[in-house]
């Protein structure tokens, strides 16, 4: 059998908060991002690497099925590859509500998640 162990995926409080807020406006957000989470769980680290952080952070564009305008009006999911077996989902936001996220914001969320003082 050629089955790989699943990658553990953890969620930051920031991601949970944003998901809860976005789900009030975009009812399909959970089903929109689930396939990407499943890809990550198989070790397929999709998206583009974000420079400017000391972390292995990626962002991936996800289509918003509540807004029929393609990926440009979809979501950005930001995640960190801690180890090949552990991924931290940092945050998610709608491209309609927020154009980008700074590497400083990403660092702040990760430091808070790890319980370290900035």
PDB file of N, CA and C in Angstrom:
ATOM      1  N   UNK A   1       0.837  -1.178   0.000  1.00  0.00           N
ATOM      2  CA  UNK A   1       0.000   0.000   0.000  1.00  0.00           C
ATOM      3  C   UNK A   1       0.884   1.245   0.000  1.00  0.00           C
ATOM      4  N   UNK A   2       0.554   2.208  -0.816  1.00  0.00           N
ATOM      5  CA  UNK A   2       1.392   3.390  -0.992  1.00  0.00           C
ATOM      6  C   UNK A   2       0.743   4.631  -0.392  1.00  0.00           C
ATOM      7  N   UNK A   3       0.184   4.499   0.802  1.00  0.00           N
ATOM      8  CA  UNK A   3      -0.542   5.618   1.403  1.00  0.00           C
ATOM      9  C   UNK A   3       0.381   6.422   2.305  1.00  0.00           C
ATOM     10  N   UNK A   4       0.362   7.743   2.119  1.00  0.00           N
ATOM     11  CA  UNK A   4       1.189   8.620   2.927  1.00  0.00           C
ATOM     12  C   UNK A   4       0.439   8.996   4.201  1.00  0.00           C
ATOM     13  N   UNK A   5       1.185   9.227   5.290  1.00  0.00           N
ATOM     14  CA  UNK A   5       0.502   9.678   6.507  1.00  0.00           C
ATOM     15  C   UNK A   5      -0.071  11.079   6.275  1.00  0.00           C
ATOM     16  N   UNK A   6      -1.195  11.343   6.906  1.00  0.00           N
ATOM     17  CA  UNK A   6      -1.832  12.652   6.756  1.00  0.00           C
ATOM     18  C   UNK A   6      -1.008  13.721   7.460  1.00  0.00           C
ATOM     19  N   UNK A   7      -0.991  14.894   6.850  1.00  0.00           N
ATOM     20  CA  UNK A   7      -0.350  16.057   7.465  1.00  0.00           C
ATOM     21  C   UNK A   7      -1.320  16.611   8.508  1.00  0.00           C
ATOM     22  N   UNK A   8      -0.817  16.861   9.714  1.00  0.00           N
ATOM     23  CA  UNK A   8      -1.665  17.457  10.746  1.00  0.00           C
ATOM     24  C   UNK A   8      -1.869  18.929  10.422  1.00  0.00           C
ATOM     25  N   UNK A   9      -3.117  19.385  10.480  1.00  0.00           N
ATOM     26  CA  UNK A   9      -3.452  20.776  10.194  1.00  0.00           C
ATOM     27  C   UNK A   9      -4.035  21.398  11.459  1.00  0.00           C
ATOM     28  N   UNK A  10      -3.419  22.499  11.909  1.00  0.00           N
ATOM     29  CA  UNK A  10      -3.926  23.227  13.076  1.00  0.00           C
ATOM     30  C   UNK A  10      -4.415  24.604  12.632  1.00  0.00           C
ATOM     31  N   UNK A  11      -5.395  25.121  13.356  1.00  0.00           N
ATOM     32  CA  UNK A  11      -6.007  26.401  13.029  1.00  0.00           C
ATOM     33  C   UNK A  11      -5.651  27.444  14.087  1.00  0.00           C
ATOM     34  N   UNK A  12      -5.216  28.631  13.671  1.00  0.00           N
ATOM     35  CA  UNK A  12      -4.963  29.705  14.636  1.00  0.00           C
ATOM     36  C   UNK A  12      -6.299  30.301  15.071  1.00  0.00           C
ATOM     37  N   UNK A  13      -6.337  30.935  16.245  1.00  0.00           N
ATOM     38  CA  UNK A  13      -7.564  31.636  16.663  1.00  0.00           C
ATOM     39  C   UNK A  13      -7.977  32.701  15.634  1.00  0.00           C
ATOM     40  N   UNK A  14      -6.998  33.323  14.993  1.00  0.00           N
ATOM     41  CA  UNK A  14      -7.256  34.321  13.952  1.00  0.00           C
ATOM     42  C   UNK A  14      -8.044  33.704  12.798  1.00  0.00           C
ATOM     43  N   UNK A  15      -7.632  32.533  12.337  1.00  0.00           N
ATOM     44  CA  UNK A  15      -8.334  31.874  11.237  1.00  0.00           C
ATOM     45  C   UNK A  15      -9.757  31.518  11.660  1.00  0.00           C
ATOM     46  N   UNK A  16      -9.912  30.970  12.846  1.00  0.00           N
ATOM     47  CA  UNK A  16     -11.247  30.586  13.322  1.00  0.00           C
ATOM     48  C   UNK A  16     -12.163  31.806  13.398  1.00  0.00           C
ATOM     49  N   UNK A  17     -11.626  32.911  13.912  1.00  0.00           N
ATOM     50  CA  UNK A  17     -12.395  34.153  14.034  1.00  0.00           C
ATOM     51  C   UNK A  17     -12.829  34.656  12.657  1.00  0.00           C
ATOM     52  N   UNK A  18     -11.874  34.701  11.723  1.00  0.00           N
ATOM     53  CA  UNK A  18     -12.169  35.186  10.371  1.00  0.00           C
ATOM     54  C   UNK A  18     -13.166  34.277   9.660  1.00  0.00           C
ATOM     55  N   UNK A  19     -13.023  32.981   9.843  1.00  0.00           N
ATOM     56  CA  UNK A  19     -13.930  32.022   9.218  1.00  0.00           C
ATOM     57  C   UNK A  19     -15.362  32.228   9.730  1.00  0.00           C
ATOM     58  N   UNK A  20     -15.480  32.417  11.033  1.00  0.00           N
ATOM     59  CA  UNK A  20     -16.795  32.642  11.636  1.00  0.00           C
ATOM     60  C   UNK A  20     -17.418  33.931  11.086  1.00  0.00           C
ATOM     61  N   UNK A  21     -16.637  34.998  11.024  1.00  0.00           N
ATOM     62  CA  UNK A  21     -17.127  36.283  10.515  1.00  0.00           C
ATOM     63  C   UNK A  21     -17.504  36.181   9.039  1.00  0.00           C
ATOM     64  N   UNK A  22     -16.614  35.595   8.231  1.00  0.00           N
ATOM     65  CA  UNK A  22     -16.877  35.482   6.790  1.00  0.00           C
ATOM     66  C   UNK A  22     -18.069  34.577   6.484  1.00  0.00           C
ATOM     67  N   UNK A  23     -18.278  33.556   7.310  1.00  0.00           N
ATOM     68  CA  UNK A  23     -19.362  32.607   7.028  1.00  0.00           C
ATOM     69  C   UNK A  23     -20.742  33.255   7.166  1.00  0.00           C
ATOM     70  N   UNK A  24     -20.824  34.383   7.882  1.00  0.00           N
ATOM     71  CA  UNK A  24     -22.093  35.104   7.990  1.00  0.00           C
ATOM     72  C   UNK A  24     -22.448  35.766   6.663  1.00  0.00           C
ATOM     73  N   UNK A  25     -21.423  36.178   5.935  1.00  0.00           N
ATOM     74  CA  UNK A  25     -21.616  36.868   4.657  1.00  0.00           C
ATOM     75  C   UNK A  25     -21.552  35.887   3.475  1.00  0.00           C
ATOM     76  N   UNK A  26     -20.643  34.919   3.574  1.00  0.00           N
ATOM     77  CA  UNK A  26     -20.418  33.953   2.499  1.00  0.00           C
ATOM     78  C   UNK A  26     -20.722  32.546   3.038  1.00  0.00           C
ATOM     79  N   UNK A  27     -21.925  32.065   2.753  1.00  0.00           N
ATOM     80  CA  UNK A  27     -22.415  30.833   3.368  1.00  0.00           C
ATOM     81  C   UNK A  27     -21.673  29.573   2.923  1.00  0.00           C
ATOM     82  N   UNK A  28     -20.969  29.630   1.784  1.00  0.00           N
ATOM     83  CA  UNK A  28     -20.278  28.438   1.270  1.00  0.00           C
ATOM     84  C   UNK A  28     -18.778  28.431   1.570  1.00  0.00           C
ATOM     85  N   UNK A  29     -18.303  29.344   2.413  1.00  0.00           N
ATOM     86  CA  UNK A  29     -16.848  29.457   2.623  1.00  0.00           C
ATOM     87  C   UNK A  29     -16.235  28.142   3.102  1.00  0.00           C
ATOM     88  N   UNK A  30     -16.897  27.454   4.012  1.00  0.00           N
ATOM     89  CA  UNK A  30     -16.312  26.209   4.533  1.00  0.00           C
ATOM     90  C   UNK A  30     -16.175  25.157   3.432  1.00  0.00           C
ATOM     91  N   UNK A  31     -17.209  25.021   2.610  1.00  0.00           N
ATOM     92  CA  UNK A  31     -17.122  24.041   1.519  1.00  0.00           C
ATOM     93  C   UNK A  31     -16.171  24.525   0.418  1.00  0.00           C
ATOM     94  N   UNK A  32     -15.960  25.837   0.312  1.00  0.00           N
ATOM     95  CA  UNK A  32     -15.004  26.371  -0.669  1.00  0.00           C
ATOM     96  C   UNK A  32     -13.560  26.070  -0.272  1.00  0.00           C
ATOM     97  N   UNK A  33     -13.247  26.205   1.020  1.00  0.00           N
ATOM     98  CA  UNK A  33     -11.845  26.017   1.436  1.00  0.00           C
ATOM     99  C   UNK A  33     -11.514  24.568   1.792  1.00  0.00           C
ATOM    100  N   UNK A  34     -12.531  23.731   2.041  1.00  0.00           N
ATOM    101  CA  UNK A  34     -12.281  22.338   2.448  1.00  0.00           C
ATOM    102  C   UNK A  34     -11.408  21.557   1.461  1.00  0.00           C
ATOM    103  N   UNK A  35     -11.648  21.653   0.138  1.00  0.00           N
ATOM    104  CA  UNK A  35     -10.782  20.899  -0.787  1.00  0.00           C
ATOM    105  C   UNK A  35      -9.307  21.296  -0.690  1.00  0.00           C
ATOM    106  N   UNK A  36      -9.034  22.559  -0.410  1.00  0.00           N
ATOM    107  CA  UNK A  36      -7.645  23.017  -0.273  1.00  0.00           C
ATOM    108  C   UNK A  36      -7.030  22.437   0.996  1.00  0.00           C
ATOM    109  N   UNK A  37      -7.788  22.429   2.078  1.00  0.00           N
ATOM    110  CA  UNK A  37      -7.302  21.833   3.333  1.00  0.00           C
ATOM    111  C   UNK A  37      -7.001  20.349   3.116  1.00  0.00           C
ATOM    112  N   UNK A  38      -7.861  19.664   2.370  1.00  0.00           N
ATOM    113  CA  UNK A  38      -7.633  18.245   2.093  1.00  0.00           C
ATOM    114  C   UNK A  38      -6.376  18.040   1.251  1.00  0.00           C
ATOM    115  N   UNK A  39      -6.116  18.946   0.298  1.00  0.00           N
ATOM    116  CA  UNK A  39      -4.874  18.862  -0.493  1.00  0.00           C
ATOM    117  C   UNK A  39      -3.661  19.014   0.417  1.00  0.00           C
ATOM    118  N   UNK A  40      -3.716  19.989   1.314  1.00  0.00           N
ATOM    119  CA  UNK A  40      -2.606  20.233   2.249  1.00  0.00           C
ATOM    120  C   UNK A  40      -2.394  19.007   3.136  1.00  0.00           C
ATOM    121  N   UNK A  41      -3.486  18.383   3.575  1.00  0.00           N
ATOM    122  CA  UNK A  41      -3.385  17.194   4.434  1.00  0.00           C
ATOM    123  C   UNK A  41      -2.682  16.033   3.739  1.00  0.00           C
ATOM    124  N   UNK A  42      -2.703  16.021   2.409  1.00  0.00           N
ATOM    125  CA  UNK A  42      -2.009  14.960   1.685  1.00  0.00           C
ATOM    126  C   UNK A  42      -0.549  15.327   1.396  1.00  0.00           C
ATOM    127  N   UNK A  43      -0.120  16.516   1.842  1.00  0.00           N
ATOM    128  CA  UNK A  43       1.259  16.944   1.612  1.00  0.00           C
ATOM    129  C   UNK A  43       1.434  17.743   0.336  1.00  0.00           C
ATOM    130  N   UNK A  44       0.347  18.079  -0.330  1.00  0.00           N
ATOM    131  CA  UNK A  44       0.398  18.902  -1.538  1.00  0.00           C
ATOM    132  C   UNK A  44       0.272  20.363  -1.121  1.00  0.00           C
ATOM    133  N   UNK A  45       1.413  21.023  -0.924  1.00  0.00           N
ATOM    134  CA  UNK A  45       1.428  22.400  -0.435  1.00  0.00           C
ATOM    135  C   UNK A  45       1.228  23.355  -1.598  1.00  0.00           C
ATOM    136  N   UNK A  46      -0.026  23.712  -1.838  1.00  0.00           N
ATOM    137  CA  UNK A  46      -0.428  24.533  -2.976  1.00  0.00           C
ATOM    138  C   UNK A  46      -0.237  26.017  -2.665  1.00  0.00           C
ATOM    139  N   UNK A  47      -0.243  26.828  -3.715  1.00  0.00           N
ATOM    140  CA  UNK A  47      -0.151  28.273  -3.548  1.00  0.00           C
ATOM    141  C   UNK A  47       1.250  28.786  -3.776  1.00  0.00           C
ATOM    142  N   UNK A  48       1.437  30.072  -3.476  1.00  0.00           N
ATOM    143  CA  UNK A  48       2.723  30.732  -3.668  1.00  0.00           C
ATOM    144  C   UNK A  48       3.356  31.061  -2.329  1.00  0.00           C
ATOM    145  N   UNK A  49       4.663  30.882  -2.260  1.00  0.00           N
ATOM    146  CA  UNK A  49       5.382  31.204  -1.031  1.00  0.00           C
ATOM    147  C   UNK A  49       5.435  32.716  -0.849  1.00  0.00           C
ATOM    148  N   UNK A  50       5.227  33.170   0.375  1.00  0.00           N
ATOM    149  CA  UNK A  50       5.280  34.593   0.693  1.00  0.00           C
ATOM    150  C   UNK A  50       6.664  34.902   1.244  1.00  0.00           C
ATOM    151  N   UNK A  51       7.333  35.862   0.623  1.00  0.00           N
ATOM    152  CA  UNK A  51       8.652  36.248   1.125  1.00  0.00           C
ATOM    153  C   UNK A  51       8.468  37.317   2.208  1.00  0.00           C
ATOM    154  N   UNK A  52       9.527  37.581   2.947  1.00  0.00           N
ATOM    155  CA  UNK A  52       9.475  38.629   3.960  1.00  0.00           C
ATOM    156  C   UNK A  52       9.139  38.126   5.348  1.00  0.00           C
ATOM    157  N   UNK A  53       8.991  36.813   5.492  1.00  0.00           N
ATOM    158  CA  UNK A  53       8.812  36.244   6.832  1.00  0.00           C
ATOM    159  C   UNK A  53       9.876  35.164   6.986  1.00  0.00           C
ATOM    160  N   UNK A  54      10.233  34.870   8.227  1.00  0.00           N
ATOM    161  CA  UNK A  54      11.216  33.803   8.456  1.00  0.00           C
ATOM    162  C   UNK A  54      10.555  32.436   8.416  1.00  0.00           C
ATOM    163  N   UNK A  55       9.249  32.435   8.175  1.00  0.00           N
ATOM    164  CA  UNK A  55       8.478  31.208   8.144  1.00  0.00           C
ATOM    165  C   UNK A  55       8.284  30.717   6.706  1.00  0.00           C
ATOM    166  N   UNK A  56       7.981  29.435   6.545  1.00  0.00           N
ATOM    167  CA  UNK A  56       7.624  28.882   5.232  1.00  0.00           C
ATOM    168  C   UNK A  56       6.121  29.084   5.069  1.00  0.00           C
ATOM    169  N   UNK A  57       5.761  30.307   4.643  1.00  0.00           N
ATOM    170  CA  UNK A  57       4.356  30.705   4.571  1.00  0.00           C
ATOM    171  C   UNK A  57       3.911  30.752   3.114  1.00  0.00           C
ATOM    172  N   UNK A  58       2.708  30.234   2.872  1.00  0.00           N
ATOM    173  CA  UNK A  58       2.145  30.193   1.529  1.00  0.00           C
ATOM    174  C   UNK A  58       0.782  30.856   1.533  1.00  0.00           C
ATOM    175  N   UNK A  59       0.404  31.404   0.367  1.00  0.00           N
ATOM    176  CA  UNK A  59      -0.966  31.889   0.207  1.00  0.00           C
ATOM    177  C   UNK A  59      -1.549  31.221  -1.018  1.00  0.00           C
ATOM    178  N   UNK A  60      -2.804  30.862  -0.885  1.00  0.00           N
ATOM    179  CA  UNK A  60      -3.489  30.185  -1.985  1.00  0.00           C
ATOM    180  C   UNK A  60      -4.825  30.881  -2.226  1.00  0.00           C
ATOM    181  N   UNK A  61      -5.095  31.108  -3.500  1.00  0.00           N
ATOM    182  CA  UNK A  61      -6.360  31.727  -3.888  1.00  0.00           C
ATOM    183  C   UNK A  61      -7.424  30.646  -4.021  1.00  0.00           C
ATOM    184  N   UNK A  62      -8.602  30.957  -3.499  1.00  0.00           N
ATOM    185  CA  UNK A  62      -9.704  30.006  -3.522  1.00  0.00           C
ATOM    186  C   UNK A  62     -10.944  30.712  -4.054  1.00  0.00           C
ATOM    187  N   UNK A  63     -11.621  30.057  -4.960  1.00  0.00           N
ATOM    188  CA  UNK A  63     -12.837  30.629  -5.552  1.00  0.00           C
ATOM    189  C   UNK A  63     -13.931  30.740  -4.499  1.00  0.00           C
ATOM    190  N   UNK A  64     -14.626  31.872  -4.500  1.00  0.00           N
ATOM    191  CA  UNK A  64     -15.762  32.104  -3.616  1.00  0.00           C
ATOM    192  C   UNK A  64     -17.028  31.773  -4.408  1.00  0.00           C
ATOM    193  N   UNK A  65     -17.683  30.690  -4.058  1.00  0.00           N
ATOM    194  CA  UNK A  65     -18.887  30.274  -4.786  1.00  0.00           C
ATOM    195  C   UNK A  65     -20.105  31.143  -4.505  1.00  0.00           C
ATOM    196  N   UNK A  66     -19.993  32.051  -3.533  1.00  0.00           N
ATOM    197  CA  UNK A  66     -21.082  32.994  -3.260  1.00  0.00           C
ATOM    198  C   UNK A  66     -20.964  34.254  -4.118  1.00  0.00           C
ATOM    199  N   UNK A  67     -19.805  34.453  -4.755  1.00  0.00           N
ATOM    200  CA  UNK A  67     -19.569  35.618  -5.616  1.00  0.00           C
ATOM    201  C   UNK A  67     -19.078  35.098  -6.967  1.00  0.00           C
ATOM    202  N   UNK A  68     -19.912  35.093  -7.986  1.00  0.00           N
ATOM    203  CA  UNK A  68     -19.538  34.487  -9.273  1.00  0.00           C
ATOM    204  C   UNK A  68     -18.613  35.373 -10.115  1.00  0.00           C
ATOM    205  N   UNK A  69     -17.425  35.691  -9.580  1.00  0.00           N
ATOM    206  CA  UNK A  69     -16.488  36.558 -10.313  1.00  0.00           C
ATOM    207  C   UNK A  69     -15.104  35.937 -10.457  1.00  0.00           C
ATOM    208  N   UNK A  70     -14.946  34.668 -10.151  1.00  0.00           N
ATOM    209  CA  UNK A  70     -13.640  34.026 -10.282  1.00  0.00           C
ATOM    210  C   UNK A  70     -12.782  34.194  -9.052  1.00  0.00           C
ATOM    211  N   UNK A  71     -11.534  33.719  -9.174  1.00  0.00           N
ATOM    212  CA  UNK A  71     -10.625  33.708  -8.022  1.00  0.00           C
ATOM    213  C   UNK A  71     -10.228  35.096  -7.550  1.00  0.00           C
ATOM    214  N   UNK A  72     -10.253  36.097  -8.454  1.00  0.00           N
ATOM    215  CA  UNK A  72      -9.824  37.439  -8.051  1.00  0.00           C
ATOM    216  C   UNK A  72     -10.746  38.042  -6.993  1.00  0.00           C
ATOM    217  N   UNK A  73     -11.972  37.547  -6.899  1.00  0.00           N
ATOM    218  CA  UNK A  73     -12.875  38.027  -5.853  1.00  0.00           C
ATOM    219  C   UNK A  73     -13.147  36.916  -4.840  1.00  0.00           C
ATOM    220  N   UNK A  74     -12.241  35.968  -4.774  1.00  0.00           N
ATOM    221  CA  UNK A  74     -12.384  34.842  -3.855  1.00  0.00           C
ATOM    222  C   UNK A  74     -11.699  35.090  -2.534  1.00  0.00           C
ATOM    223  N   UNK A  75     -11.144  34.029  -1.985  1.00  0.00           N
ATOM    224  CA  UNK A  75     -10.474  34.092  -0.687  1.00  0.00           C
ATOM    225  C   UNK A  75      -8.977  33.903  -0.864  1.00  0.00           C
ATOM    226  N   UNK A  76      -8.244  34.376   0.131  1.00  0.00           N
ATOM    227  CA  UNK A  76      -6.829  34.039   0.265  1.00  0.00           C
ATOM    228  C   UNK A  76      -6.716  33.236   1.556  1.00  0.00           C
ATOM    229  N   UNK A  77      -6.143  32.065   1.458  1.00  0.00           N
ATOM    230  CA  UNK A  77      -5.854  31.247   2.633  1.00  0.00           C
ATOM    231  C   UNK A  77      -4.349  31.302   2.850  1.00  0.00           C
ATOM    232  N   UNK A  78      -3.946  31.697   4.042  1.00  0.00           N
ATOM    233  CA  UNK A  78      -2.525  31.806   4.387  1.00  0.00           C
ATOM    234  C   UNK A  78      -2.195  30.664   5.343  1.00  0.00           C
ATOM    235  N   UNK A  79      -1.124  29.930   5.036  1.00  0.00           N
ATOM    236  CA  UNK A  79      -0.736  28.838   5.923  1.00  0.00           C
ATOM    237  C   UNK A  79       0.779  28.723   6.017  1.00  0.00           C
ATOM    238  N   UNK A  80       1.220  28.145   7.123  1.00  0.00           N
ATOM    239  CA  UNK A  80       2.651  27.919   7.355  1.00  0.00           C
ATOM    240  C   UNK A  80       2.920  26.431   7.365  1.00  0.00           C
ATOM    241  N   UNK A  81       3.980  26.025   6.650  1.00  0.00           N
ATOM    242  CA  UNK A  81       4.439  24.640   6.707  1.00  0.00           C
ATOM    243  C   UNK A  81       5.506  24.592   7.802  1.00  0.00           C
ATOM    244  N   UNK A  82       5.082  24.122   8.993  1.00  0.00           N
ATOM    245  CA  UNK A  82       5.988  24.018  10.144  1.00  0.00           C
ATOM    246  C   UNK A  82       7.018  22.920   9.898  1.00  0.00           C
ATOM    247  N   UNK A  83       6.495  21.746   9.559  1.00  0.00           N
ATOM    248  CA  UNK A  83       7.305  20.579   9.208  1.00  0.00           C
ATOM    249  C   UNK A  83       6.532  19.875   8.099  1.00  0.00           C
ATOM    250  N   UNK A  84       7.143  18.909   7.414  1.00  0.00           N
ATOM    251  CA  UNK A  84       6.373  18.180   6.393  1.00  0.00           C
ATOM    252  C   UNK A  84       5.131  17.478   6.959  1.00  0.00           C
ATOM    253  N   UNK A  85       5.061  17.320   8.285  1.00  0.00           N
ATOM    254  CA  UNK A  85       3.924  16.636   8.892  1.00  0.00           C
ATOM    255  C   UNK A  85       2.992  17.566   9.668  1.00  0.00           C
ATOM    256  N   UNK A  86       3.305  18.886   9.696  1.00  0.00           N
ATOM    257  CA  UNK A  86       2.489  19.832  10.472  1.00  0.00           C
ATOM    258  C   UNK A  86       2.338  21.149   9.722  1.00  0.00           C
ATOM    259  N   UNK A  87       1.082  21.552   9.525  1.00  0.00           N
ATOM    260  CA  UNK A  87       0.767  22.811   8.851  1.00  0.00           C
ATOM    261  C   UNK A  87      -0.131  23.633   9.770  1.00  0.00           C
ATOM    262  N   UNK A  88       0.157  24.935   9.845  1.00  0.00           N
ATOM    263  CA  UNK A  88      -0.665  25.861  10.618  1.00  0.00           C
ATOM    264  C   UNK A  88      -1.442  26.730   9.639  1.00  0.00           C
ATOM    265  N   UNK A  89      -2.782  26.690   9.704  1.00  0.00           N
ATOM    266  CA  UNK A  89      -3.591  27.586   8.885  1.00  0.00           C
ATOM    267  C   UNK A  89      -3.636  28.921   9.629  1.00  0.00           C
ATOM    268  N   UNK A  90      -3.016  29.937   9.039  1.00  0.00           N
ATOM    269  CA  UNK A  90      -2.802  31.219   9.718  1.00  0.00           C
ATOM    270  C   UNK A  90      -4.053  32.085   9.678  1.00  0.00           C
ATOM    271  N   UNK A  91      -4.559  32.357   8.478  1.00  0.00           N
ATOM    272  CA  UNK A  91      -5.726  33.216   8.345  1.00  0.00           C
ATOM    273  C   UNK A  91      -6.374  33.010   6.983  1.00  0.00           C
ATOM    274  N   UNK A  92      -7.577  33.513   6.862  1.00  0.00           N
ATOM    275  CA  UNK A  92      -8.298  33.512   5.595  1.00  0.00           C
ATOM    276  C   UNK A  92      -9.006  34.854   5.510  1.00  0.00           C
ATOM    277  N   UNK A  93      -9.053  35.404   4.306  1.00  0.00           N
ATOM    278  CA  UNK A  93      -9.791  36.649   4.115  1.00  0.00           C
ATOM    279  C   UNK A  93     -10.357  36.693   2.710  1.00  0.00           C
ATOM    280  N   UNK A  94     -11.378  37.535   2.550  1.00  0.00           N
ATOM    281  CA  UNK A  94     -12.006  37.713   1.254  1.00  0.00           C
ATOM    282  C   UNK A  94     -11.268  38.810   0.505  1.00  0.00           C
ATOM    283  N   UNK A  95     -10.941  38.552  -0.762  1.00  0.00           N
ATOM    284  CA  UNK A  95     -10.265  39.552  -1.588  1.00  0.00           C
ATOM    285  C   UNK A  95     -11.161  40.766  -1.831  1.00  0.00           C
ATOM    286  N   UNK A  96     -12.478  40.611  -1.665  1.00  0.00           N
ATOM    287  CA  UNK A  96     -13.385  41.745  -1.817  1.00  0.00           C
ATOM    288  C   UNK A  96     -13.295  42.688  -0.624  1.00  0.00           C
ATOM    289  N   UNK A  97     -12.979  42.132   0.559  1.00  0.00           N
ATOM    290  CA  UNK A  97     -12.934  42.927   1.785  1.00  0.00           C
ATOM    291  C   UNK A  97     -11.538  43.434   2.121  1.00  0.00           C
ATOM    292  N   UNK A  98     -10.513  42.725   1.666  1.00  0.00           N
ATOM    293  CA  UNK A  98      -9.127  43.041   2.022  1.00  0.00           C
ATOM    294  C   UNK A  98      -8.252  42.681   0.835  1.00  0.00           C
ATOM    295  N   UNK A  99      -7.442  43.622   0.362  1.00  0.00           N
ATOM    296  CA  UNK A  99      -6.673  43.347  -0.856  1.00  0.00           C
ATOM    297  C   UNK A  99      -5.445  42.477  -0.596  1.00  0.00           C
ATOM    298  N   UNK A 100      -4.812  42.640   0.565  1.00  0.00           N
ATOM    299  CA  UNK A 100      -3.586  41.896   0.835  1.00  0.00           C
ATOM    300  C   UNK A 100      -3.365  41.804   2.339  1.00  0.00           C
ATOM    301  N   UNK A 101      -2.371  41.043   2.730  1.00  0.00           N
ATOM    302  CA  UNK A 101      -1.978  40.939   4.138  1.00  0.00           C
ATOM    303  C   UNK A 101      -0.475  41.164   4.201  1.00  0.00           C
ATOM    304  N   UNK A 102      -0.030  41.917   5.196  1.00  0.00           N
ATOM    305  CA  UNK A 102       1.402  42.209   5.299  1.00  0.00           C
ATOM    306  C   UNK A 102       2.126  41.050   5.971  1.00  0.00           C
ATOM    307  N   UNK A 103       3.417  40.926   5.677  1.00  0.00           N
ATOM    308  CA  UNK A 103       4.207  39.880   6.326  1.00  0.00           C
ATOM    309  C   UNK A 103       4.270  40.146   7.828  1.00  0.00           C
ATOM    310  N   UNK A 104       4.155  41.404   8.235  1.00  0.00           N
ATOM    311  CA  UNK A 104       4.145  41.749   9.666  1.00  0.00           C
ATOM    312  C   UNK A 104       2.885  41.188  10.345  1.00  0.00           C
ATOM    313  N   UNK A 105       1.743  41.292   9.687  1.00  0.00           N
ATOM    314  CA  UNK A 105       0.504  40.729  10.246  1.00  0.00           C
ATOM    315  C   UNK A 105       0.630  39.216  10.383  1.00  0.00           C
ATOM    316  N   UNK A 106       1.204  38.570   9.383  1.00  0.00           N
ATOM    317  CA  UNK A 106       1.384  37.115   9.423  1.00  0.00           C
ATOM    318  C   UNK A 106       2.292  36.730  10.586  1.00  0.00           C
ATOM    319  N   UNK A 107       3.412  37.462  10.728  1.00  0.00           N
ATOM    320  CA  UNK A 107       4.334  37.200  11.837  1.00  0.00           C
ATOM    321  C   UNK A 107       3.634  37.345  13.185  1.00  0.00           C
ATOM    322  N   UNK A 108       2.828  38.401  13.324  1.00  0.00           N
ATOM    323  CA  UNK A 108       2.125  38.665  14.580  1.00  0.00           C
ATOM    324  C   UNK A 108       1.190  37.501  14.929  1.00  0.00           C
ATOM    325  N   UNK A 109       0.432  37.023  13.950  1.00  0.00           N
ATOM    326  CA  UNK A 109      -0.506  35.912  14.186  1.00  0.00           C
ATOM    327  C   UNK A 109       0.259  34.656  14.595  1.00  0.00           C
ATOM    328  N   UNK A 110       1.362  34.370  13.915  1.00  0.00           N
ATOM    329  CA  UNK A 110       2.142  33.164  14.231  1.00  0.00           C
ATOM    330  C   UNK A 110       2.798  33.263  15.608  1.00  0.00           C
ATOM    331  N   UNK A 111       3.313  34.426  15.939  1.00  0.00           N
ATOM    332  CA  UNK A 111       3.934  34.616  17.270  1.00  0.00           C
ATOM    333  C   UNK A 111       2.880  34.439  18.351  1.00  0.00           C
ATOM    334  N   UNK A 112       1.707  35.023  18.136  1.00  0.00           N
ATOM    335  CA  UNK A 112       0.594  34.889  19.103  1.00  0.00           C
ATOM    336  C   UNK A 112       0.187  33.428  19.242  1.00  0.00           C
ATOM    337  N   UNK A 113       0.108  32.711  18.109  1.00  0.00           N
ATOM    338  CA  UNK A 113      -0.287  31.309  18.118  1.00  0.00           C
ATOM    339  C   UNK A 113       0.731  30.453  18.866  1.00  0.00           C
ATOM    340  N   UNK A 114       1.993  30.771  18.693  1.00  0.00           N
ATOM    341  CA  UNK A 114       3.055  29.990  19.347  1.00  0.00           C
ATOM    342  C   UNK A 114       3.232  30.371  20.802  1.00  0.00           C
ATOM    343  N   UNK A 115       2.514  31.419  21.255  1.00  0.00           N
ATOM    344  CA  UNK A 115       2.564  31.809  22.659  1.00  0.00           C
ATOM    345  C   UNK A 115       3.807  32.560  23.034  1.00  0.00           C
ATOM    346  N   UNK A 116       4.456  33.175  22.045  1.00  0.00           N
ATOM    347  CA  UNK A 116       5.680  33.924  22.321  1.00  0.00           C
ATOM    348  C   UNK A 116       5.353  35.408  22.398  1.00  0.00           C
ATOM    349  N   UNK A 117       6.186  36.128  23.091  1.00  0.00           N
ATOM    350  CA  UNK A 117       6.066  37.582  23.130  1.00  0.00           C
ATOM    351  C   UNK A 117       6.690  38.133  21.858  1.00  0.00           C
ATOM    352  N   UNK A 118       6.057  39.143  21.235  1.00  0.00           N
ATOM    353  CA  UNK A 118       6.628  39.707  19.984  1.00  0.00           C
ATOM    354  C   UNK A 118       7.968  40.375  20.216  1.00  0.00           C
TER     355      UNK A 118
END
